[in-house]
PDB file of N, CA and C in Angstrom:
ATOM      1  N   ALA A   1    -166.654  51.185-334.475  1.00  0.00           N
ATOM      2  CA  ALA A   1    -167.233  50.707-335.722  1.00  0.00           C
ATOM      3  C   ALA A   1    -167.379  51.853-336.718  1.00  0.00           C
ATOM      4  N   ALA A   2    -167.799  53.006-336.233  1.00  0.00           N
ATOM      5  CA  ALA A   2    -167.990  54.146-337.133  1.00  0.00           C
ATOM      6  C   ALA A   2    -166.665  54.586-337.756  1.00  0.00           C
ATOM      7  N   LEU A   3    -165.608  54.572-336.983  1.00  0.00           N
ATOM      8  CA  LEU A   3    -164.301  54.945-337.505  1.00  0.00           C
ATOM      9  C   LEU A   3    -163.827  53.947-338.567  1.00  0.00           C
ATOM     10  N   LEU A   4    -163.987  52.657-338.298  1.00  0.00           N
ATOM     11  CA  LEU A   4    -163.582  51.641-339.269  1.00  0.00           C
ATOM     12  C   LEU A   4    -164.426  51.721-340.541  1.00  0.00           C
ATOM     13  N   GLU A   5    -165.663  52.127-340.405  1.00  0.00           N
ATOM     14  CA  GLU A   5    -166.533  52.260-341.572  1.00  0.00           C
ATOM     15  C   GLU A   5    -166.071  53.385-342.497  1.00  0.00           C
ATOM     16  N   MET A   6    -165.407  54.395-341.942  1.00  0.00           N
ATOM     17  CA  MET A   6    -164.909  55.505-342.747  1.00  0.00           C
ATOM     18  C   MET A   6    -163.608  55.173-343.481  1.00  0.00           C
ATOM     19  N   CYS A   7    -162.963  54.088-343.121  1.00  0.00           N
ATOM     20  CA  CYS A   7    -161.676  53.712-343.721  1.00  0.00           C
ATOM     21  C   CYS A   7    -161.865  53.108-345.104  1.00  0.00           C
ATOM     22  N   ASP A   8    -160.862  53.287-345.959  1.00  0.00           N
ATOM     23  CA  ASP A   8    -160.863  52.655-347.281  1.00  0.00           C
ATOM     24  C   ASP A   8    -160.387  51.209-347.207  1.00  0.00           C
ATOM     25  N   LEU A   9    -159.625  50.877-346.151  1.00  0.00           N
ATOM     26  CA  LEU A   9    -159.018  49.552-346.044  1.00  0.00           C
ATOM     27  C   LEU A   9    -158.576  49.311-344.612  1.00  0.00           C
ATOM     28  N   TYR A  10    -158.684  48.058-344.159  1.00  0.00           N
ATOM     29  CA  TYR A  10    -158.132  47.643-342.872  1.00  0.00           C
ATOM     30  C   TYR A  10    -157.073  46.585-343.154  1.00  0.00           C
ATOM     31  N   VAL A  11    -155.886  46.738-342.576  1.00  0.00           N
ATOM     32  CA  VAL A  11    -154.817  45.736-342.659  1.00  0.00           C
ATOM     33  C   VAL A  11    -154.423  45.396-341.240  1.00  0.00           C
ATOM     34  N   GLY A  12    -154.484  44.119-340.881  1.00  0.00           N
ATOM     35  CA  GLY A  12    -154.099  43.739-339.531  1.00  0.00           C
ATOM     36  C   GLY A  12    -154.279  42.259-339.277  1.00  0.00           C
ATOM     37  N   PRO A  13    -153.913  41.839-338.069  1.00  0.00           N
ATOM     38  CA  PRO A  13    -153.998  40.428-337.713  1.00  0.00           C
ATOM     39  C   PRO A  13    -155.421  40.021-337.358  1.00  0.00           C
ATOM     40  N   ASP A  14    -155.606  38.725-337.186  1.00  0.00           N
ATOM     41  CA  ASP A  14    -156.856  38.166-336.688  1.00  0.00           C
ATOM     42  C   ASP A  14    -157.176  38.879-335.378  1.00  0.00           C
ATOM     43  N   SER A  15    -158.276  39.631-335.354  1.00  0.00           N
ATOM     44  CA  SER A  15    -158.593  40.429-334.175  1.00  0.00           C
ATOM     45  C   SER A  15    -160.039  40.880-334.217  1.00  0.00           C
ATOM     46  N   GLY A  16    -160.492  41.432-333.116  1.00  0.00           N
ATOM     47  CA  GLY A  16    -161.827  42.003-333.063  1.00  0.00           C
ATOM     48  C   GLY A  16    -162.006  43.128-334.066  1.00  0.00           C
ATOM     49  N   PRO A  17    -161.066  44.093-334.122  1.00  0.00           N
ATOM     50  CA  PRO A  17    -161.220  45.166-335.111  1.00  0.00           C
ATOM     51  C   PRO A  17    -161.294  44.658-336.550  1.00  0.00           C
ATOM     52  N   MET A  18    -160.602  43.571-336.865  1.00  0.00           N
ATOM     53  CA  MET A  18    -160.684  43.004-338.209  1.00  0.00           C
ATOM     54  C   MET A  18    -162.122  42.605-338.511  1.00  0.00           C
ATOM     55  N   HIS A  19    -162.775  41.952-337.566  1.00  0.00           N
ATOM     56  CA  HIS A  19    -164.152  41.510-337.777  1.00  0.00           C
ATOM     57  C   HIS A  19    -165.114  42.693-337.850  1.00  0.00           C
ATOM     58  N   VAL A  20    -164.875  43.708-337.040  1.00  0.00           N
ATOM     59  CA  VAL A  20    -165.727  44.902-337.087  1.00  0.00           C
ATOM     60  C   VAL A  20    -165.569  45.598-338.437  1.00  0.00           C
ATOM     61  N   ALA A  21    -164.328  45.754-338.903  1.00  0.00           N
ATOM     62  CA  ALA A  21    -164.095  46.390-340.201  1.00  0.00           C
ATOM     63  C   ALA A  21    -164.840  45.638-341.299  1.00  0.00           C
ATOM     64  N   SER A  22    -164.735  44.339-341.300  1.00  0.00           N
ATOM     65  CA  SER A  22    -165.416  43.535-342.304  1.00  0.00           C
ATOM     66  C   SER A  22    -166.928  43.691-342.200  1.00  0.00           C
ATOM     67  N   ALA A  23    -167.440  43.697-340.992  1.00  0.00           N
ATOM     68  CA  ALA A  23    -168.887  43.788-340.787  1.00  0.00           C
ATOM     69  C   ALA A  23    -169.468  45.118-341.252  1.00  0.00           C
ATOM     70  N   VAL A  24    -168.680  46.191-341.148  1.00  0.00           N
ATOM     71  CA  VAL A  24    -169.189  47.498-341.569  1.00  0.00           C
ATOM     72  C   VAL A  24    -168.887  47.800-343.038  1.00  0.00           C
ATOM     73  N   GLY A  25    -168.297  46.831-343.742  1.00  0.00           N
ATOM     74  CA  GLY A  25    -168.094  46.975-345.174  1.00  0.00           C
ATOM     75  C   GLY A  25    -166.742  47.488-345.608  1.00  0.00           C
ATOM     76  N   THR A  26    -165.794  47.580-344.699  1.00  0.00           N
ATOM     77  CA  THR A  26    -164.445  48.020-345.053  1.00  0.00           C
ATOM     78  C   THR A  26    -163.646  46.822-345.558  1.00  0.00           C
ATOM     79  N   PRO A  27    -163.054  46.901-346.737  1.00  0.00           N
ATOM     80  CA  PRO A  27    -162.226  45.798-347.233  1.00  0.00           C
ATOM     81  C   PRO A  27    -161.100  45.486-346.243  1.00  0.00           C
ATOM     82  N   VAL A  28    -160.740  44.209-346.170  1.00  0.00           N
ATOM     83  CA  VAL A  28    -159.807  43.725-345.148  1.00  0.00           C
ATOM     84  C   VAL A  28    -158.677  42.919-345.777  1.00  0.00           C
ATOM     85  N   VAL A  29    -157.450  43.206-345.345  1.00  0.00           N
ATOM     86  CA  VAL A  29    -156.309  42.315-345.578  1.00  0.00           C
ATOM     87  C   VAL A  29    -155.989  41.758-344.195  1.00  0.00           C
ATOM     88  N   SER A  30    -156.277  40.468-343.995  1.00  0.00           N
ATOM     89  CA  SER A  30    -156.075  39.875-342.671  1.00  0.00           C
ATOM     90  C   SER A  30    -154.848  38.974-342.675  1.00  0.00           C
ATOM     91  N   LEU A  31    -154.070  39.093-341.610  1.00  0.00           N
ATOM     92  CA  LEU A  31    -152.797  38.384-341.477  1.00  0.00           C
ATOM     93  C   LEU A  31    -152.937  37.298-340.428  1.00  0.00           C
ATOM     94  N   TRP A  32    -152.503  36.089-340.781  1.00  0.00           N
ATOM     95  CA  TRP A  32    -152.737  34.923-339.928  1.00  0.00           C
ATOM     96  C   TRP A  32    -151.446  34.187-339.625  1.00  0.00           C
ATOM     97  N   GLY A  33    -151.249  33.856-338.358  1.00  0.00           N
ATOM     98  CA  GLY A  33    -150.105  33.085-337.897  1.00  0.00           C
ATOM     99  C   GLY A  33    -150.589  31.798-337.252  1.00  0.00           C
ATOM    100  N   PRO A  34    -150.746  31.780-335.933  1.00  0.00           N
ATOM    101  CA  PRO A  34    -151.119  30.545-335.261  1.00  0.00           C
ATOM    102  C   PRO A  34    -152.612  30.234-335.278  1.00  0.00           C
ATOM    103  N   THR A  35    -153.467  31.190-335.619  1.00  0.00           N
ATOM    104  CA  THR A  35    -154.906  30.942-335.567  1.00  0.00           C
ATOM    105  C   THR A  35    -155.432  30.419-336.895  1.00  0.00           C
ATOM    106  N   ASN A  36    -156.677  29.971-336.890  1.00  0.00           N
ATOM    107  CA  ASN A  36    -157.249  29.212-337.991  1.00  0.00           C
ATOM    108  C   ASN A  36    -158.142  30.075-338.881  1.00  0.00           C
ATOM    109  N   GLU A  37    -157.612  30.510-340.000  1.00  0.00           N
ATOM    110  CA  GLU A  37    -158.390  31.342-340.901  1.00  0.00           C
ATOM    111  C   GLU A  37    -159.564  30.604-341.535  1.00  0.00           C
ATOM    112  N   ALA A  38    -159.459  29.279-341.656  1.00  0.00           N
ATOM    113  CA  ALA A  38    -160.573  28.518-342.227  1.00  0.00           C
ATOM    114  C   ALA A  38    -161.818  28.617-341.347  1.00  0.00           C
ATOM    115  N   ALA A  39    -161.617  28.767-340.061  1.00  0.00           N
ATOM    116  CA  ALA A  39    -162.745  28.872-339.136  1.00  0.00           C
ATOM    117  C   ALA A  39    -163.130  30.306-338.824  1.00  0.00           C
ATOM    118  N   TRP A  40    -162.166  31.241-338.858  1.00  0.00           N
ATOM    119  CA  TRP A  40    -162.417  32.559-338.288  1.00  0.00           C
ATOM    120  C   TRP A  40    -162.202  33.746-339.218  1.00  0.00           C
ATOM    121  N   ALA A  41    -161.798  33.527-340.444  1.00  0.00           N
ATOM    122  CA  ALA A  41    -161.550  34.657-341.353  1.00  0.00           C
ATOM    123  C   ALA A  41    -162.848  35.350-341.736  1.00  0.00           C
ATOM    124  N   PRO A  42    -162.782  36.646-342.059  1.00  0.00           N
ATOM    125  CA  PRO A  42    -163.977  37.332-342.541  1.00  0.00           C
ATOM    126  C   PRO A  42    -164.371  36.770-343.901  1.00  0.00           C
ATOM    127  N   SER A  43    -165.649  36.831-344.210  1.00  0.00           N
ATOM    128  CA  SER A  43    -166.128  36.259-345.468  1.00  0.00           C
ATOM    129  C   SER A  43    -167.031  37.234-346.196  1.00  0.00           C
ATOM    130  N   GLY A  44    -166.643  37.613-347.392  1.00  0.00           N
ATOM    131  CA  GLY A  44    -167.481  38.476-348.212  1.00  0.00           C
ATOM    132  C   GLY A  44    -168.795  37.827-348.604  1.00  0.00           C
ATOM    133  N   ARG A  45    -168.833  36.502-348.557  1.00  0.00           N
ATOM    134  CA  ARG A  45    -170.057  35.805-348.947  1.00  0.00           C
ATOM    135  C   ARG A  45    -171.204  36.043-347.975  1.00  0.00           C
ATOM    136  N   LEU A  46    -170.921  36.545-346.797  1.00  0.00           N
ATOM    137  CA  LEU A  46    -171.964  36.810-345.812  1.00  0.00           C
ATOM    138  C   LEU A  46    -172.419  38.263-345.872  1.00  0.00           C
ATOM    139  N   GLY A  47    -172.105  38.942-346.951  1.00  0.00           N
ATOM    140  CA  GLY A  47    -172.492  40.332-347.088  1.00  0.00           C
ATOM    141  C   GLY A  47    -171.471  41.299-346.513  1.00  0.00           C
ATOM    142  N   ALA A  48    -170.387  40.773-346.003  1.00  0.00           N
ATOM    143  CA  ALA A  48    -169.323  41.627-345.466  1.00  0.00           C
ATOM    144  C   ALA A  48    -168.430  42.091-346.613  1.00  0.00           C
ATOM    145  N   ALA A  49    -167.447  42.892-346.272  1.00  0.00           N
ATOM    146  CA  ALA A  49    -166.536  43.456-347.265  1.00  0.00           C
ATOM    147  C   ALA A  49    -165.629  42.391-347.868  1.00  0.00           C
ATOM    148  N   PRO A  50    -165.059  42.684-349.052  1.00  0.00           N
ATOM    149  CA  PRO A  50    -164.074  41.759-349.624  1.00  0.00           C
ATOM    150  C   PRO A  50    -162.856  41.644-348.714  1.00  0.00           C
ATOM    151  N   ALA A  51    -162.233  40.483-348.748  1.00  0.00           N
ATOM    152  CA  ALA A  51    -161.095  40.261-347.855  1.00  0.00           C
ATOM    153  C   ALA A  51    -160.033  39.412-348.534  1.00  0.00           C
ATOM    154  N   PHE A  52    -158.776  39.715-348.221  1.00  0.00           N
ATOM    155  CA  PHE A  52    -157.642  38.866-348.563  1.00  0.00           C
ATOM    156  C   PHE A  52    -157.148  38.263-347.267  1.00  0.00           C
ATOM    157  N   VAL A  53    -156.888  36.977-347.276  1.00  0.00           N
ATOM    158  CA  VAL A  53    -156.330  36.286-346.122  1.00  0.00           C
ATOM    159  C   VAL A  53    -154.909  35.891-346.479  1.00  0.00           C
ATOM    160  N   ILE A  54    -153.949  36.285-345.639  1.00  0.00           N
ATOM    161  CA  ILE A  54    -152.547  35.949-345.880  1.00  0.00           C
ATOM    162  C   ILE A  54    -152.026  35.189-344.673  1.00  0.00           C
ATOM    163  N   ARG A  55    -151.625  33.931-344.905  1.00  0.00           N
ATOM    164  CA  ARG A  55    -151.085  33.094-343.834  1.00  0.00           C
ATOM    165  C   ARG A  55    -149.568  33.201-343.850  1.00  0.00           C
ATOM    166  N   ALA A  56    -148.999  33.284-342.662  1.00  0.00           N
ATOM    167  CA  ALA A  56    -147.536  33.310-342.539  1.00  0.00           C
ATOM    168  C   ALA A  56    -146.969  32.023-343.132  1.00  0.00           C
ATOM    169  N   PRO A  57    -146.005  32.119-344.054  1.00  0.00           N
ATOM    170  CA  PRO A  57    -145.484  30.918-344.712  1.00  0.00           C
ATOM    171  C   PRO A  57    -144.754  29.971-343.772  1.00  0.00           C
ATOM    172  N   ASP A  58    -144.220  30.492-342.672  1.00  0.00           N
ATOM    173  CA  ASP A  58    -143.548  29.587-341.733  1.00  0.00           C
ATOM    174  C   ASP A  58    -144.523  29.051-340.692  1.00  0.00           C
ATOM    175  N   ARG A  59    -145.807  29.299-340.878  1.00  0.00           N
ATOM    176  CA  ARG A  59    -146.875  28.744-340.040  1.00  0.00           C
ATOM    177  C   ARG A  59    -147.861  28.061-340.985  1.00  0.00           C
ATOM    178  N   PRO A  60    -147.477  26.938-341.598  1.00  0.00           N
ATOM    179  CA  PRO A  60    -148.300  26.349-342.650  1.00  0.00           C
ATOM    180  C   PRO A  60    -149.671  25.869-342.181  1.00  0.00           C
ATOM    181  N   SER A  61    -149.822  25.625-340.904  1.00  0.00           N
ATOM    182  CA  SER A  61    -151.138  25.221-340.418  1.00  0.00           C
ATOM    183  C   SER A  61    -151.349  25.814-339.030  1.00  0.00           C
ATOM    184  N   PRO A  62    -152.586  26.107-338.703  1.00  0.00           N
ATOM    185  CA  PRO A  62    -152.870  26.721-337.400  1.00  0.00           C
ATOM    186  C   PRO A  62    -152.718  25.725-336.260  1.00  0.00           C
ATOM    187  N   TRP A  63    -152.420  26.255-335.077  1.00  0.00           N
ATOM    188  CA  TRP A  63    -152.446  25.406-333.891  1.00  0.00           C
ATOM    189  C   TRP A  63    -153.301  26.015-332.788  1.00  0.00           C
ATOM    190  N   VAL A  64    -153.837  27.201-333.027  1.00  0.00           N
ATOM    191  CA  VAL A  64    -154.783  27.795-332.099  1.00  0.00           C
ATOM    192  C   VAL A  64    -156.115  27.909-332.832  1.00  0.00           C
ATOM    193  N   TYR A  65    -157.189  27.571-332.165  1.00  0.00           N
ATOM    194  CA  TYR A  65    -158.522  27.546-332.767  1.00  0.00           C
ATOM    195  C   TYR A  65    -158.542  26.630-333.984  1.00  0.00           C
ATOM    196  N   VAL A  66    -158.111  25.401-333.786  1.00  0.00           N
ATOM    197  CA  VAL A  66    -158.124  24.405-334.848  1.00  0.00           C
ATOM    198  C   VAL A  66    -159.562  23.929-334.984  1.00  0.00           C
ATOM    199  N   GLY A  67    -160.080  24.022-336.196  1.00  0.00           N
ATOM    200  CA  GLY A  67    -161.508  23.797-336.367  1.00  0.00           C
ATOM    201  C   GLY A  67    -162.218  24.900-335.596  1.00  0.00           C
ATOM    202  N   HIS A  68    -163.076  24.531-334.708  1.00  0.00           N
ATOM    203  CA  HIS A  68    -163.709  25.497-333.821  1.00  0.00           C
ATOM    204  C   HIS A  68    -163.366  25.158-332.372  1.00  0.00           C
ATOM    205  N   ARG A  69    -162.208  24.522-332.168  1.00  0.00           N
ATOM    206  CA  ARG A  69    -161.728  24.193-330.824  1.00  0.00           C
ATOM    207  C   ARG A  69    -160.498  25.040-330.514  1.00  0.00           C
ATOM    208  N   MET A  70    -160.096  25.072-329.276  1.00  0.00           N
ATOM    209  CA  MET A  70    -158.945  25.890-328.880  1.00  0.00           C
ATOM    210  C   MET A  70    -157.635  25.420-329.494  1.00  0.00           C
ATOM    211  N   GLY A  71    -157.464  24.149-329.782  1.00  0.00           N
ATOM    212  CA  GLY A  71    -156.201  23.670-330.327  1.00  0.00           C
ATOM    213  C   GLY A  71    -155.130  23.633-329.257  1.00  0.00           C
ATOM    214  N   GLU A  72    -153.977  24.200-329.544  1.00  0.00           N
ATOM    215  CA  GLU A  72    -152.842  24.178-328.618  1.00  0.00           C
ATOM    216  C   GLU A  72    -152.416  25.601-328.267  1.00  0.00           C
ATOM    217  N   PRO A  73    -153.201  26.312-327.443  1.00  0.00           N
ATOM    218  CA  PRO A  73    -152.875  27.711-327.148  1.00  0.00           C
ATOM    219  C   PRO A  73    -151.591  27.911-326.353  1.00  0.00           C
ATOM    220  N   HIS A  74    -151.039  26.827-325.784  1.00  0.00           N
ATOM    221  CA  HIS A  74    -149.796  26.960-325.019  1.00  0.00           C
ATOM    222  C   HIS A  74    -148.587  27.211-325.927  1.00  0.00           C
ATOM    223  N   LYS A  75    -148.697  26.887-327.213  1.00  0.00           N
ATOM    224  CA  LYS A  75    -147.607  27.168-328.141  1.00  0.00           C
ATOM    225  C   LYS A  75    -147.546  28.662-328.414  1.00  0.00           C
ATOM    226  N   LYS A  76    -146.355  29.172-328.510  1.00  0.00           N
ATOM    227  CA  LYS A  76    -146.196  30.586-328.857  1.00  0.00           C
ATOM    228  C   LYS A  76    -146.202  30.724-330.375  1.00  0.00           C
ATOM    229  N   GLY A  77    -146.672  31.845-330.852  1.00  0.00           N
ATOM    230  CA  GLY A  77    -146.699  32.061-332.292  1.00  0.00           C
ATOM    231  C   GLY A  77    -146.779  33.532-332.621  1.00  0.00           C
ATOM    232  N   ASN A  78    -146.461  33.829-333.848  1.00  0.00           N
ATOM    233  CA  ASN A  78    -146.583  35.195-334.337  1.00  0.00           C
ATOM    234  C   ASN A  78    -146.913  35.134-335.819  1.00  0.00           C
ATOM    235  N   LEU A  79    -146.788  36.240-336.490  1.00  0.00           N
ATOM    236  CA  LEU A  79    -147.131  36.273-337.910  1.00  0.00           C
ATOM    237  C   LEU A  79    -146.005  35.803-338.805  1.00  0.00           C
ATOM    238  N   GLY A  80    -144.897  35.433-338.200  1.00  0.00           N
ATOM    239  CA  GLY A  80    -143.821  34.808-338.950  1.00  0.00           C
ATOM    240  C   GLY A  80    -143.344  35.619-340.125  1.00  0.00           C
ATOM    241  N   GLY A  81    -143.071  34.947-341.196  1.00  0.00           N
ATOM    242  CA  GLY A  81    -142.420  35.571-342.341  1.00  0.00           C
ATOM    243  C   GLY A  81    -143.345  36.087-343.415  1.00  0.00           C
ATOM    244  N   ILE A  82    -144.431  36.740-343.048  1.00  0.00           N
ATOM    245  CA  ILE A  82    -145.284  37.330-344.082  1.00  0.00           C
ATOM    246  C   ILE A  82    -144.495  38.437-344.776  1.00  0.00           C
ATOM    247  N   GLU A  83    -144.377  38.307-346.089  1.00  0.00           N
ATOM    248  CA  GLU A  83    -143.612  39.276-346.861  1.00  0.00           C
ATOM    249  C   GLU A  83    -144.417  40.563-347.028  1.00  0.00           C
ATOM    250  N   PRO A  84    -143.811  41.704-346.733  1.00  0.00           N
ATOM    251  CA  PRO A  84    -144.523  42.973-346.896  1.00  0.00           C
ATOM    252  C   PRO A  84    -145.083  43.160-348.311  1.00  0.00           C
ATOM    253  N   GLU A  85    -144.392  42.643-349.309  1.00  0.00           N
ATOM    254  CA  GLU A  85    -144.846  42.779-350.687  1.00  0.00           C
ATOM    255  C   GLU A  85    -146.202  42.123-350.899  1.00  0.00           C
ATOM    256  N   ARG A  86    -146.426  40.971-350.251  1.00  0.00           N
ATOM    257  CA  ARG A  86    -147.729  40.288-350.369  1.00  0.00           C
ATOM    258  C   ARG A  86    -148.838  41.146-349.788  1.00  0.00           C
ATOM    259  N   VAL A  87    -148.549  41.790-348.658  1.00  0.00           N
ATOM    260  CA  VAL A  87    -149.545  42.632-347.995  1.00  0.00           C
ATOM    261  C   VAL A  87    -149.846  43.857-348.858  1.00  0.00           C
ATOM    262  N   VAL A  88    -148.809  44.490-349.367  1.00  0.00           N
ATOM    263  CA  VAL A  88    -148.987  45.680-350.206  1.00  0.00           C
ATOM    264  C   VAL A  88    -149.760  45.330-351.472  1.00  0.00           C
ATOM    265  N   THR A  89    -149.426  44.219-352.113  1.00  0.00           N
ATOM    266  CA  THR A  89    -150.125  43.796-353.325  1.00  0.00           C
ATOM    267  C   THR A  89    -151.609  43.572-353.054  1.00  0.00           C
ATOM    268  N   ALA A  90    -151.921  42.881-351.964  1.00  0.00           N
ATOM    269  CA  ALA A  90    -153.324  42.638-351.612  1.00  0.00           C
ATOM    270  C   ALA A  90    -154.039  43.953-351.307  1.00  0.00           C
ATOM    271  N   ALA A  91    -153.382  44.826-350.566  1.00  0.00           N
ATOM    272  CA  ALA A  91    -153.986  46.113-350.205  1.00  0.00           C
ATOM    273  C   ALA A  91    -154.274  46.943-351.460  1.00  0.00           C
ATOM    274  N   LEU A  92    -153.304  47.032-352.350  1.00  0.00           N
ATOM    275  CA  LEU A  92    -153.495  47.815-353.573  1.00  0.00           C
ATOM    276  C   LEU A  92    -154.608  47.240-354.438  1.00  0.00           C
ATOM    277  N   ARG A  93    -154.692  45.936-354.492  1.00  0.00           N
ATOM    278  CA  ARG A  93    -155.754  45.296-355.288  1.00  0.00           C
ATOM    279  C   ARG A  93    -157.135  45.645-354.723  1.00  0.00           C
ATOM    280  N   LEU A  94    -157.288  45.551-353.407  1.00  0.00           N
ATOM    281  CA  LEU A  94    -158.576  45.885-352.800  1.00  0.00           C
ATOM    282  C   LEU A  94    -158.907  47.364-352.973  1.00  0.00           C
ATOM    283  N   LEU A  95    -157.919  48.222-352.825  1.00  0.00           N
ATOM    284  CA  LEU A  95    -158.157  49.650-353.016  1.00  0.00           C
ATOM    285  C   LEU A  95    -158.564  49.948-354.457  1.00  0.00           C
ATOM    286  N   GLU A  96    -157.922  49.298-355.409  1.00  0.00           N
ATOM    287  CA  GLU A  96    -158.260  49.503-356.819  1.00  0.00           C
ATOM    288  C   GLU A  96    -159.672  48.991-357.110  1.00  0.00           C
ATOM    289  N   GLU A  97    -160.032  47.828-356.562  1.00  0.00           N
ATOM    290  CA  GLU A  97    -161.380  47.302-356.746  1.00  0.00           C
ATOM    291  C   GLU A  97    -162.414  48.259-356.161  1.00  0.00           C
ATOM    292  N   GLY A  98    -162.080  48.883-355.038  1.00  0.00           N
ATOM    293  CA  GLY A  98    -162.984  49.849-354.407  1.00  0.00           C
ATOM    294  C   GLY A  98    -163.246  51.055-355.281  1.00  0.00           C
ATOM    295  N   LYS A  99    -162.241  51.496-356.011  1.00  0.00           N
ATOM    296  CA  LYS A  99    -162.399  52.658-356.897  1.00  0.00           C
ATOM    297  C   LYS A  99    -163.394  52.351-358.014  1.00  0.00           C
ATOM    298  N   HIS A 100    -163.340  51.116-358.523  1.00  0.00           N
ATOM    299  CA  HIS A 100    -164.205  50.738-359.636  1.00  0.00           C
ATOM    300  C   HIS A 100    -165.605  50.366-359.155  1.00  0.00           C
ATOM    301  N   GLY A 101    -165.732  50.036-357.868  1.00  0.00           N
ATOM    302  CA  GLY A 101    -167.026  49.617-357.341  1.00  0.00           C
ATOM    303  C   GLY A 101    -167.883  50.764-356.849  1.00  0.00           C
ATOM    304  N   ASP A 102    -167.313  51.988-356.785  1.00  0.00           N
ATOM    305  CA  ASP A 102    -168.072  53.138-356.286  1.00  0.00           C
ATOM    306  C   ASP A 102    -169.006  53.705-357.326  1.00  0.00           C
TER     307      ASP A 102
END
């Protein structure tokens, strides 16, 4: 947690470190494939850091953790076709907002 708190930005998939980064105030770009960002994404409204959520375009809806249930974990999935440009744009925006918020 202390290491993530020292970071200017966290970029990564739905994971434990993503939630820790958000909880300690590090801005987050979170990448979503088969899991449900509506149920599990970090939320700045709870006092956590600002976050961008990017869903893989070839995974239009989640099939793991649908709602707050397991969904269909037997299906295989990944982050699909998330365009690097979308991630870079979100990251740069959060970094720029951080400069003005200090």
